[in-house]
Amino acid sequence: MTDDTTPSTSRWQLRVTVFVALCIIAGVVLGLVRIFRLDIQLKSHLTNVSCRARVGGVSGVVIIGFTLTDHPQTIVVRTLGPSLTQYGVPDALPDTTLRIIRQEDGREIVRNDDWQTPENERLRTNLTDYAPKHPREAACVLDLKPGAYTAIVEGKNGAQGVVLIDVFNVK
């Protein structure tokens, strides 16, 4: 006879890692995605989260938040606007701008307009799969320590339209 109230021991260790993404438009939360990674002697990681939304209106920005855990990671954040038209997306944002804020201290750590800048050498060389296809789209490669970050996308000179924001974990 077994006693079901007796805790059993196991050689398995359960580890839970949480990735949170938040999409806010005009001060209104339109989406919250929580992705949990359960490692049971497995090595897995989240590779991408995306948000498609309209820039413009009251606040004129789209915000996506992401949290990194465990260890420093290489992240690519990109915005797609003009290149969306080739996929039949109407009213695509004609020119995107991107800012990354570190939540720990509220400091802006990156600002980008038109991704083909000297700072984005890695996007033009060894991370070309993550590079935007149009020169008026913003992107950046970041080596980030664990913490919470916010990506803020705007239309250049107040432009309005549909934008896709991607956050990639490229290790």
N, C-alpha and C. Protein backbone atom coordinates (compact mmCIF):
# COMPACT_ATOMS: atom_id res chain seq x y z
N MET A 1 0.84 -1.18 0.00
CA MET A 1 0.00 0.00 0.00
C MET A 1 0.89 1.24 0.00
N THR A 2 0.52 2.25 -0.81
CA THR A 2 1.30 3.47 -0.90
C THR A 2 0.56 4.61 -0.24
N ASP A 3 1.32 5.55 0.26
CA ASP A 3 0.75 6.73 0.89
C ASP A 3 0.85 7.88 -0.10
N ASP A 4 -0.28 8.32 -0.67
CA ASP A 4 -0.29 9.37 -1.69
C ASP A 4 0.09 10.74 -1.14
N THR A 5 0.13 10.90 0.16
CA THR A 5 0.47 12.20 0.74
C THR A 5 1.98 12.36 0.94
N THR A 6 2.72 11.30 0.76
CA THR A 6 4.15 11.37 0.94
C THR A 6 4.79 11.93 -0.33
N PRO A 7 5.55 13.01 -0.17
CA PRO A 7 6.18 13.56 -1.37
C PRO A 7 7.22 12.59 -1.92
N SER A 8 7.27 12.49 -3.23
CA SER A 8 8.25 11.61 -3.84
C SER A 8 9.45 12.42 -4.29
N THR A 9 10.56 11.77 -4.40
CA THR A 9 11.75 12.44 -4.92
C THR A 9 11.91 12.04 -6.37
N SER A 10 12.53 12.92 -7.10
CA SER A 10 12.69 12.66 -8.52
C SER A 10 14.04 13.19 -8.97
N ARG A 11 14.56 12.63 -10.00
CA ARG A 11 15.79 13.11 -10.60
C ARG A 11 15.53 14.23 -11.59
N TRP A 12 14.27 14.50 -11.89
CA TRP A 12 13.90 15.54 -12.84
C TRP A 12 13.85 16.88 -12.12
N GLN A 13 14.38 17.89 -12.77
CA GLN A 13 14.27 19.25 -12.24
C GLN A 13 13.44 20.06 -13.21
N LEU A 14 12.49 20.78 -12.69
CA LEU A 14 11.61 21.62 -13.51
C LEU A 14 12.06 23.06 -13.36
N ARG A 15 12.27 23.70 -14.48
CA ARG A 15 12.69 25.10 -14.48
C ARG A 15 11.72 25.87 -15.35
N VAL A 16 11.19 26.96 -14.85
CA VAL A 16 10.22 27.76 -15.59
C VAL A 16 10.85 29.12 -15.89
N THR A 17 10.84 29.50 -17.15
CA THR A 17 11.29 30.81 -17.58
C THR A 17 10.12 31.50 -18.25
N VAL A 18 9.91 32.76 -17.92
CA VAL A 18 8.76 33.49 -18.46
C VAL A 18 9.25 34.58 -19.40
N PHE A 19 8.63 34.67 -20.57
CA PHE A 19 8.86 35.74 -21.54
C PHE A 19 7.55 36.49 -21.65
N VAL A 20 7.58 37.79 -21.47
CA VAL A 20 6.35 38.59 -21.53
C VAL A 20 6.49 39.63 -22.63
N ALA A 21 5.48 39.73 -23.48
CA ALA A 21 5.44 40.76 -24.51
C ALA A 21 4.13 41.52 -24.35
N LEU A 22 4.20 42.83 -24.45
CA LEU A 22 3.02 43.67 -24.26
C LEU A 22 2.91 44.61 -25.45
N CYS A 23 1.72 44.68 -26.05
CA CYS A 23 1.48 45.57 -27.18
C CYS A 23 0.52 46.67 -26.74
N ILE A 24 0.98 47.92 -26.76
CA ILE A 24 0.17 49.06 -26.34
C ILE A 24 0.07 50.04 -27.50
N ILE A 25 -1.15 50.44 -27.81
CA ILE A 25 -1.35 51.43 -28.86
C ILE A 25 -2.25 52.52 -28.30
N ALA A 26 -1.82 53.77 -28.47
CA ALA A 26 -2.58 54.93 -28.00
C ALA A 26 -2.95 54.77 -26.52
N GLY A 27 -2.02 54.23 -25.73
CA GLY A 27 -2.25 54.10 -24.31
C GLY A 27 -3.18 52.97 -23.92
N VAL A 28 -3.61 52.17 -24.87
CA VAL A 28 -4.53 51.07 -24.61
C VAL A 28 -3.81 49.75 -24.84
N VAL A 29 -3.88 48.86 -23.85
CA VAL A 29 -3.26 47.54 -24.01
C VAL A 29 -4.12 46.73 -24.96
N LEU A 30 -3.54 46.39 -26.11
CA LEU A 30 -4.25 45.60 -27.11
C LEU A 30 -3.90 44.13 -27.05
N GLY A 31 -2.78 43.83 -26.44
CA GLY A 31 -2.41 42.43 -26.37
C GLY A 31 -1.32 42.20 -25.35
N LEU A 32 -1.43 41.12 -24.63
CA LEU A 32 -0.40 40.71 -23.69
C LEU A 32 -0.15 39.24 -23.97
N VAL A 33 1.10 38.93 -24.26
CA VAL A 33 1.46 37.56 -24.54
C VAL A 33 2.43 37.11 -23.46
N ARG A 34 2.12 36.02 -22.82
CA ARG A 34 3.04 35.43 -21.85
C ARG A 34 3.40 34.06 -22.37
N ILE A 35 4.67 33.83 -22.51
CA ILE A 35 5.13 32.55 -23.01
C ILE A 35 6.00 31.94 -21.94
N PHE A 36 5.68 30.75 -21.54
CA PHE A 36 6.41 30.07 -20.50
C PHE A 36 7.25 28.96 -21.12
N ARG A 37 8.48 28.90 -20.73
CA ARG A 37 9.36 27.83 -21.19
C ARG A 37 9.58 26.89 -20.01
N LEU A 38 9.26 25.65 -20.21
CA LEU A 38 9.48 24.64 -19.19
C LEU A 38 10.64 23.76 -19.65
N ASP A 39 11.68 23.74 -18.88
CA ASP A 39 12.82 22.89 -19.21
C ASP A 39 12.85 21.70 -18.27
N ILE A 40 12.71 20.56 -18.82
CA ILE A 40 12.88 19.33 -18.08
C ILE A 40 14.04 18.62 -18.75
N GLN A 41 15.22 19.00 -18.34
CA GLN A 41 16.45 18.49 -18.94
C GLN A 41 16.47 18.73 -20.45
N LEU A 42 15.90 19.83 -20.88
CA LEU A 42 15.92 20.22 -22.29
C LEU A 42 16.52 21.60 -22.41
N LYS A 43 17.10 21.89 -23.50
CA LYS A 43 17.61 23.23 -23.77
C LYS A 43 16.74 23.85 -24.85
N SER A 44 15.82 24.70 -24.45
CA SER A 44 14.95 25.36 -25.41
C SER A 44 14.94 26.85 -25.14
N HIS A 45 14.56 27.64 -26.13
CA HIS A 45 14.45 29.08 -25.94
C HIS A 45 13.47 29.66 -26.94
N LEU A 46 12.89 30.78 -26.55
CA LEU A 46 11.98 31.51 -27.43
C LEU A 46 12.83 32.24 -28.46
N THR A 47 12.46 32.15 -29.72
CA THR A 47 13.27 32.78 -30.76
C THR A 47 12.67 34.05 -31.33
N ASN A 48 11.34 34.26 -31.22
CA ASN A 48 10.75 35.42 -31.86
C ASN A 48 9.40 35.74 -31.26
N VAL A 49 9.10 37.03 -31.18
CA VAL A 49 7.76 37.51 -30.88
C VAL A 49 7.51 38.70 -31.81
N SER A 50 6.27 38.82 -32.31
CA SER A 50 5.94 39.88 -33.25
C SER A 50 4.64 40.56 -32.87
N CYS A 51 4.48 41.80 -33.32
CA CYS A 51 3.25 42.55 -33.11
C CYS A 51 3.00 43.38 -34.37
N ARG A 52 1.81 43.23 -34.95
CA ARG A 52 1.43 44.05 -36.10
C ARG A 52 0.35 45.01 -35.63
N ALA A 53 0.54 46.29 -35.90
CA ALA A 53 -0.40 47.30 -35.42
C ALA A 53 -0.32 48.55 -36.29
N ARG A 54 -1.21 49.47 -36.02
CA ARG A 54 -1.25 50.74 -36.75
C ARG A 54 -0.60 51.83 -35.92
N VAL A 55 0.36 52.52 -36.52
CA VAL A 55 0.99 53.68 -35.89
C VAL A 55 0.18 54.90 -36.29
N GLY A 56 -0.13 55.73 -35.33
CA GLY A 56 -0.90 56.94 -35.59
C GLY A 56 -1.98 57.10 -34.56
N GLY A 57 -2.89 57.99 -34.80
CA GLY A 57 -3.96 58.20 -33.83
C GLY A 57 -3.51 59.11 -32.70
N VAL A 58 -4.04 58.86 -31.51
CA VAL A 58 -3.81 59.75 -30.37
C VAL A 58 -2.34 59.82 -29.96
N SER A 59 -1.69 58.68 -29.71
CA SER A 59 -0.31 58.73 -29.24
C SER A 59 0.70 58.62 -30.37
N GLY A 60 0.31 58.03 -31.47
CA GLY A 60 1.20 57.93 -32.62
C GLY A 60 2.29 56.88 -32.53
N VAL A 61 2.29 56.06 -31.47
CA VAL A 61 3.36 55.07 -31.31
C VAL A 61 2.78 53.67 -31.09
N VAL A 62 3.62 52.69 -31.33
CA VAL A 62 3.33 51.30 -30.96
C VAL A 62 4.45 50.87 -30.04
N ILE A 63 4.08 50.20 -28.95
CA ILE A 63 5.05 49.77 -27.95
C ILE A 63 4.96 48.26 -27.77
N ILE A 64 6.11 47.61 -27.76
CA ILE A 64 6.16 46.19 -27.42
C ILE A 64 7.24 46.03 -26.35
N GLY A 65 6.87 45.36 -25.28
CA GLY A 65 7.81 45.12 -24.19
C GLY A 65 8.29 43.68 -24.21
N PHE A 66 9.52 43.46 -23.79
CA PHE A 66 10.04 42.10 -23.71
C PHE A 66 10.99 42.00 -22.52
N THR A 67 11.05 40.82 -21.95
CA THR A 67 11.86 40.57 -20.77
C THR A 67 12.82 39.42 -21.06
N LEU A 68 14.07 39.62 -20.72
CA LEU A 68 15.09 38.59 -20.88
C LEU A 68 15.46 38.05 -19.51
N THR A 69 15.62 36.74 -19.42
CA THR A 69 15.98 36.11 -18.15
C THR A 69 17.23 35.27 -18.31
N ASP A 70 17.77 34.84 -17.22
CA ASP A 70 18.86 33.87 -17.13
C ASP A 70 20.25 34.41 -17.44
N HIS A 71 20.49 34.93 -18.63
CA HIS A 71 21.85 35.28 -19.04
C HIS A 71 21.79 36.33 -20.14
N PRO A 72 22.90 37.03 -20.42
CA PRO A 72 22.92 37.99 -21.53
C PRO A 72 22.58 37.30 -22.85
N GLN A 73 21.89 38.04 -23.72
CA GLN A 73 21.43 37.48 -24.98
C GLN A 73 21.59 38.51 -26.10
N THR A 74 21.76 38.01 -27.32
CA THR A 74 21.81 38.88 -28.49
C THR A 74 20.41 38.93 -29.09
N ILE A 75 19.91 40.14 -29.24
CA ILE A 75 18.54 40.38 -29.69
C ILE A 75 18.56 41.26 -30.93
N VAL A 76 17.72 40.94 -31.91
CA VAL A 76 17.48 41.83 -33.05
C VAL A 76 16.06 42.34 -32.92
N VAL A 77 15.90 43.64 -32.97
CA VAL A 77 14.58 44.26 -33.02
C VAL A 77 14.49 44.95 -34.36
N ARG A 78 13.43 44.62 -35.11
CA ARG A 78 13.28 45.26 -36.42
C ARG A 78 11.82 45.70 -36.60
N THR A 79 11.67 46.71 -37.44
CA THR A 79 10.34 47.20 -37.79
C THR A 79 10.18 47.10 -39.29
N LEU A 80 9.04 46.61 -39.72
CA LEU A 80 8.76 46.52 -41.14
C LEU A 80 7.58 47.42 -41.47
N GLY A 81 7.74 48.27 -42.43
CA GLY A 81 6.68 49.16 -42.88
C GLY A 81 6.55 49.08 -44.39
N PRO A 82 7.44 49.77 -45.12
CA PRO A 82 7.34 49.78 -46.58
C PRO A 82 7.36 48.39 -47.21
N SER A 83 8.12 47.45 -46.65
CA SER A 83 8.21 46.12 -47.27
C SER A 83 6.94 45.30 -47.08
N LEU A 84 6.02 45.74 -46.21
CA LEU A 84 4.76 45.01 -46.02
C LEU A 84 3.86 45.08 -47.26
N THR A 85 4.04 46.09 -48.08
CA THR A 85 3.19 46.22 -49.26
C THR A 85 3.34 45.05 -50.23
N GLN A 86 4.52 44.45 -50.28
CA GLN A 86 4.72 43.28 -51.16
C GLN A 86 3.91 42.07 -50.72
N TYR A 87 3.41 42.11 -49.48
CA TYR A 87 2.57 41.02 -48.97
C TYR A 87 1.09 41.39 -48.97
N GLY A 88 0.77 42.50 -49.62
CA GLY A 88 -0.62 42.91 -49.74
C GLY A 88 -1.18 43.64 -48.54
N VAL A 89 -0.33 44.09 -47.63
CA VAL A 89 -0.80 44.83 -46.46
C VAL A 89 -1.09 46.27 -46.89
N PRO A 90 -2.34 46.70 -46.76
CA PRO A 90 -2.69 48.07 -47.16
C PRO A 90 -2.22 49.09 -46.12
N ASP A 91 -1.95 50.29 -46.56
CA ASP A 91 -1.61 51.42 -45.70
C ASP A 91 -0.39 51.15 -44.82
N ALA A 92 0.64 50.55 -45.38
CA ALA A 92 1.87 50.27 -44.62
C ALA A 92 2.56 51.59 -44.25
N LEU A 93 3.16 51.62 -43.09
CA LEU A 93 3.90 52.80 -42.62
C LEU A 93 5.07 53.05 -43.58
N PRO A 94 5.18 54.26 -44.16
CA PRO A 94 6.19 54.50 -45.19
C PRO A 94 7.62 54.62 -44.68
N ASP A 95 7.82 54.98 -43.41
CA ASP A 95 9.16 55.15 -42.87
C ASP A 95 9.09 54.96 -41.36
N THR A 96 9.84 54.00 -40.82
CA THR A 96 9.73 53.67 -39.40
C THR A 96 10.92 54.21 -38.61
N THR A 97 10.69 54.49 -37.34
CA THR A 97 11.76 54.82 -36.41
C THR A 97 11.60 53.91 -35.19
N LEU A 98 12.70 53.64 -34.51
CA LEU A 98 12.71 52.69 -33.40
C LEU A 98 13.56 53.22 -32.25
N ARG A 99 13.03 53.07 -31.05
CA ARG A 99 13.78 53.38 -29.83
C ARG A 99 13.67 52.18 -28.90
N ILE A 100 14.76 51.87 -28.18
CA ILE A 100 14.76 50.81 -27.18
C ILE A 100 15.07 51.45 -25.83
N ILE A 101 14.20 51.17 -24.85
CA ILE A 101 14.34 51.71 -23.50
C ILE A 101 14.62 50.57 -22.54
N ARG A 102 15.63 50.75 -21.67
CA ARG A 102 15.88 49.78 -20.61
C ARG A 102 15.02 50.19 -19.40
N GLN A 103 14.15 49.31 -18.96
CA GLN A 103 13.21 49.64 -17.90
C GLN A 103 13.87 49.83 -16.54
N GLU A 104 14.99 49.21 -16.33
CA GLU A 104 15.70 49.30 -15.05
C GLU A 104 15.96 50.74 -14.64
N ASP A 105 16.35 51.57 -15.62
CA ASP A 105 16.66 52.97 -15.31
C ASP A 105 15.95 53.96 -16.23
N GLY A 106 15.10 53.46 -17.16
CA GLY A 106 14.37 54.34 -18.06
C GLY A 106 15.23 54.96 -19.15
N ARG A 107 16.45 54.48 -19.30
CA ARG A 107 17.39 55.05 -20.27
C ARG A 107 17.14 54.53 -21.68
N GLU A 108 17.17 55.43 -22.64
CA GLU A 108 17.11 55.03 -24.05
C GLU A 108 18.48 54.50 -24.44
N ILE A 109 18.53 53.23 -24.86
CA ILE A 109 19.82 52.63 -25.17
C ILE A 109 20.10 52.59 -26.67
N VAL A 110 19.05 52.69 -27.48
CA VAL A 110 19.22 52.70 -28.94
C VAL A 110 18.13 53.56 -29.56
N ARG A 111 18.52 54.28 -30.61
CA ARG A 111 17.56 55.00 -31.46
C ARG A 111 18.00 54.72 -32.89
N ASN A 112 17.05 54.31 -33.75
CA ASN A 112 17.41 54.00 -35.12
C ASN A 112 16.34 54.47 -36.09
N ASP A 113 16.80 55.02 -37.19
CA ASP A 113 15.95 55.41 -38.30
C ASP A 113 16.71 54.94 -39.54
N ASP A 114 16.15 54.08 -40.31
CA ASP A 114 16.81 53.54 -41.49
C ASP A 114 17.97 52.63 -41.06
N TRP A 115 17.75 51.35 -41.09
CA TRP A 115 18.61 50.34 -40.48
C TRP A 115 20.02 50.24 -41.03
N GLN A 116 20.28 50.74 -42.23
CA GLN A 116 21.59 50.56 -42.86
C GLN A 116 22.61 51.58 -42.36
N THR A 117 22.81 51.61 -41.05
CA THR A 117 23.77 52.53 -40.43
C THR A 117 25.03 51.77 -40.02
N PRO A 118 26.13 52.47 -39.76
CA PRO A 118 27.35 51.79 -39.33
C PRO A 118 27.16 50.95 -38.06
N GLU A 119 26.28 51.38 -37.16
CA GLU A 119 26.03 50.64 -35.92
C GLU A 119 25.43 49.25 -36.19
N ASN A 120 24.81 49.08 -37.34
CA ASN A 120 24.16 47.81 -37.66
C ASN A 120 24.99 46.94 -38.60
N GLU A 121 26.30 47.01 -38.47
CA GLU A 121 27.20 46.22 -39.31
C GLU A 121 26.85 44.73 -39.26
N ARG A 122 26.51 44.22 -38.07
CA ARG A 122 26.19 42.79 -37.94
C ARG A 122 24.95 42.40 -38.76
N LEU A 123 23.99 43.32 -38.93
CA LEU A 123 22.81 43.02 -39.75
C LEU A 123 23.18 42.92 -41.23
N ARG A 124 24.20 43.65 -41.64
CA ARG A 124 24.62 43.62 -43.05
C ARG A 124 25.60 42.50 -43.35
N THR A 125 26.15 41.88 -42.30
CA THR A 125 27.17 40.84 -42.53
C THR A 125 26.68 39.47 -42.09
N ASN A 126 26.76 39.16 -40.79
CA ASN A 126 26.45 37.79 -40.36
C ASN A 126 25.02 37.57 -39.86
N LEU A 127 24.19 38.59 -39.78
CA LEU A 127 22.79 38.43 -39.35
C LEU A 127 21.83 38.90 -40.45
N THR A 128 22.18 38.68 -41.69
CA THR A 128 21.41 39.20 -42.81
C THR A 128 19.98 38.65 -42.88
N ASP A 129 19.74 37.46 -42.33
CA ASP A 129 18.37 36.91 -42.34
C ASP A 129 17.40 37.75 -41.53
N TYR A 130 17.93 38.54 -40.59
CA TYR A 130 17.09 39.36 -39.72
C TYR A 130 16.97 40.80 -40.20
N ALA A 131 17.73 41.17 -41.19
CA ALA A 131 17.74 42.55 -41.67
C ALA A 131 16.44 42.88 -42.41
N PRO A 132 15.92 44.09 -42.21
CA PRO A 132 14.75 44.51 -43.00
C PRO A 132 15.10 44.53 -44.48
N LYS A 133 14.08 44.47 -45.32
CA LYS A 133 14.31 44.44 -46.76
C LYS A 133 14.29 45.82 -47.40
N HIS A 134 13.78 46.81 -46.69
CA HIS A 134 13.66 48.16 -47.23
C HIS A 134 14.55 49.12 -46.44
N PRO A 135 15.25 50.04 -47.11
CA PRO A 135 16.16 50.94 -46.40
C PRO A 135 15.49 51.91 -45.43
N ARG A 136 14.19 52.18 -45.57
CA ARG A 136 13.51 53.10 -44.65
C ARG A 136 12.90 52.40 -43.44
N GLU A 137 13.29 51.15 -43.20
CA GLU A 137 12.83 50.42 -42.02
C GLU A 137 13.93 50.44 -40.96
N ALA A 138 13.53 50.53 -39.71
CA ALA A 138 14.48 50.64 -38.60
C ALA A 138 14.73 49.27 -37.98
N ALA A 139 15.95 49.09 -37.47
CA ALA A 139 16.31 47.84 -36.80
C ALA A 139 17.57 48.07 -35.98
N CYS A 140 17.84 47.12 -35.07
CA CYS A 140 19.07 47.18 -34.29
C CYS A 140 19.43 45.80 -33.77
N VAL A 141 20.71 45.59 -33.53
CA VAL A 141 21.22 44.38 -32.89
C VAL A 141 21.75 44.80 -31.52
N LEU A 142 21.31 44.08 -30.49
CA LEU A 142 21.69 44.46 -29.13
C LEU A 142 22.20 43.24 -28.37
N ASP A 143 23.25 43.44 -27.60
CA ASP A 143 23.70 42.43 -26.64
C ASP A 143 23.20 42.91 -25.29
N LEU A 144 22.15 42.26 -24.79
CA LEU A 144 21.45 42.74 -23.60
C LEU A 144 21.62 41.81 -22.41
N LYS A 145 21.72 42.41 -21.24
CA LYS A 145 21.73 41.63 -20.01
C LYS A 145 20.29 41.34 -19.62
N PRO A 146 20.06 40.39 -18.73
CA PRO A 146 18.69 40.10 -18.30
C PRO A 146 18.00 41.36 -17.76
N GLY A 147 16.73 41.49 -18.09
CA GLY A 147 15.96 42.64 -17.64
C GLY A 147 14.79 42.90 -18.56
N ALA A 148 14.06 43.96 -18.26
CA ALA A 148 12.88 44.34 -19.05
C ALA A 148 13.24 45.49 -19.98
N TYR A 149 12.73 45.40 -21.20
CA TYR A 149 13.02 46.40 -22.23
C TYR A 149 11.73 46.76 -22.97
N THR A 150 11.72 47.95 -23.55
CA THR A 150 10.58 48.41 -24.32
C THR A 150 11.06 48.90 -25.69
N ALA A 151 10.39 48.45 -26.74
CA ALA A 151 10.65 48.95 -28.09
C ALA A 151 9.50 49.88 -28.45
N ILE A 152 9.83 51.08 -28.89
CA ILE A 152 8.84 52.08 -29.26
C ILE A 152 9.02 52.41 -30.74
N VAL A 153 7.94 52.24 -31.50
CA VAL A 153 7.98 52.47 -32.95
C VAL A 153 7.09 53.65 -33.28
N GLU A 154 7.63 54.55 -34.11
CA GLU A 154 6.88 55.71 -34.59
C GLU A 154 7.06 55.83 -36.09
N GLY A 155 6.18 56.60 -36.69
CA GLY A 155 6.35 56.96 -38.09
C GLY A 155 7.22 58.19 -38.18
N LYS A 156 8.17 58.19 -39.10
CA LYS A 156 9.05 59.35 -39.25
C LYS A 156 8.22 60.56 -39.66
N ASN A 157 8.50 61.69 -39.02
CA ASN A 157 7.81 62.95 -39.28
C ASN A 157 6.30 62.83 -39.10
N GLY A 158 5.88 61.99 -38.13
CA GLY A 158 4.46 61.85 -37.82
C GLY A 158 3.67 60.99 -38.79
N ALA A 159 4.35 60.25 -39.64
CA ALA A 159 3.64 59.39 -40.61
C ALA A 159 2.80 58.35 -39.89
N GLN A 160 1.74 57.90 -40.55
CA GLN A 160 0.84 56.90 -39.99
C GLN A 160 0.77 55.70 -40.92
N GLY A 161 0.45 54.54 -40.35
CA GLY A 161 0.29 53.34 -41.15
C GLY A 161 0.52 52.08 -40.35
N VAL A 162 0.47 50.96 -41.02
CA VAL A 162 0.61 49.66 -40.39
C VAL A 162 2.09 49.28 -40.32
N VAL A 163 2.49 48.73 -39.17
CA VAL A 163 3.88 48.33 -38.95
C VAL A 163 3.90 46.94 -38.32
N LEU A 164 4.95 46.21 -38.59
CA LEU A 164 5.20 44.92 -37.94
C LEU A 164 6.50 45.09 -37.14
N ILE A 165 6.44 44.73 -35.85
CA ILE A 165 7.62 44.79 -34.99
C ILE A 165 8.00 43.36 -34.65
N ASP A 166 9.27 43.03 -34.86
CA ASP A 166 9.79 41.71 -34.52
C ASP A 166 10.88 41.84 -33.48
N VAL A 167 10.88 40.93 -32.51
CA VAL A 167 11.98 40.81 -31.56
C VAL A 167 12.50 39.39 -31.69
N PHE A 168 13.75 39.24 -32.10
CA PHE A 168 14.37 37.93 -32.31
C PHE A 168 15.48 37.70 -31.28
N ASN A 169 15.51 36.50 -30.72
CA ASN A 169 16.62 36.07 -29.90
C ASN A 169 17.55 35.28 -30.81
N VAL A 170 18.69 35.84 -31.12
CA VAL A 170 19.59 35.21 -32.09
C VAL A 170 20.77 34.51 -31.42
N LYS A 171 20.76 34.46 -30.11
CA LYS A 171 21.82 33.82 -29.30
C LYS A 171 23.09 34.53 -29.57
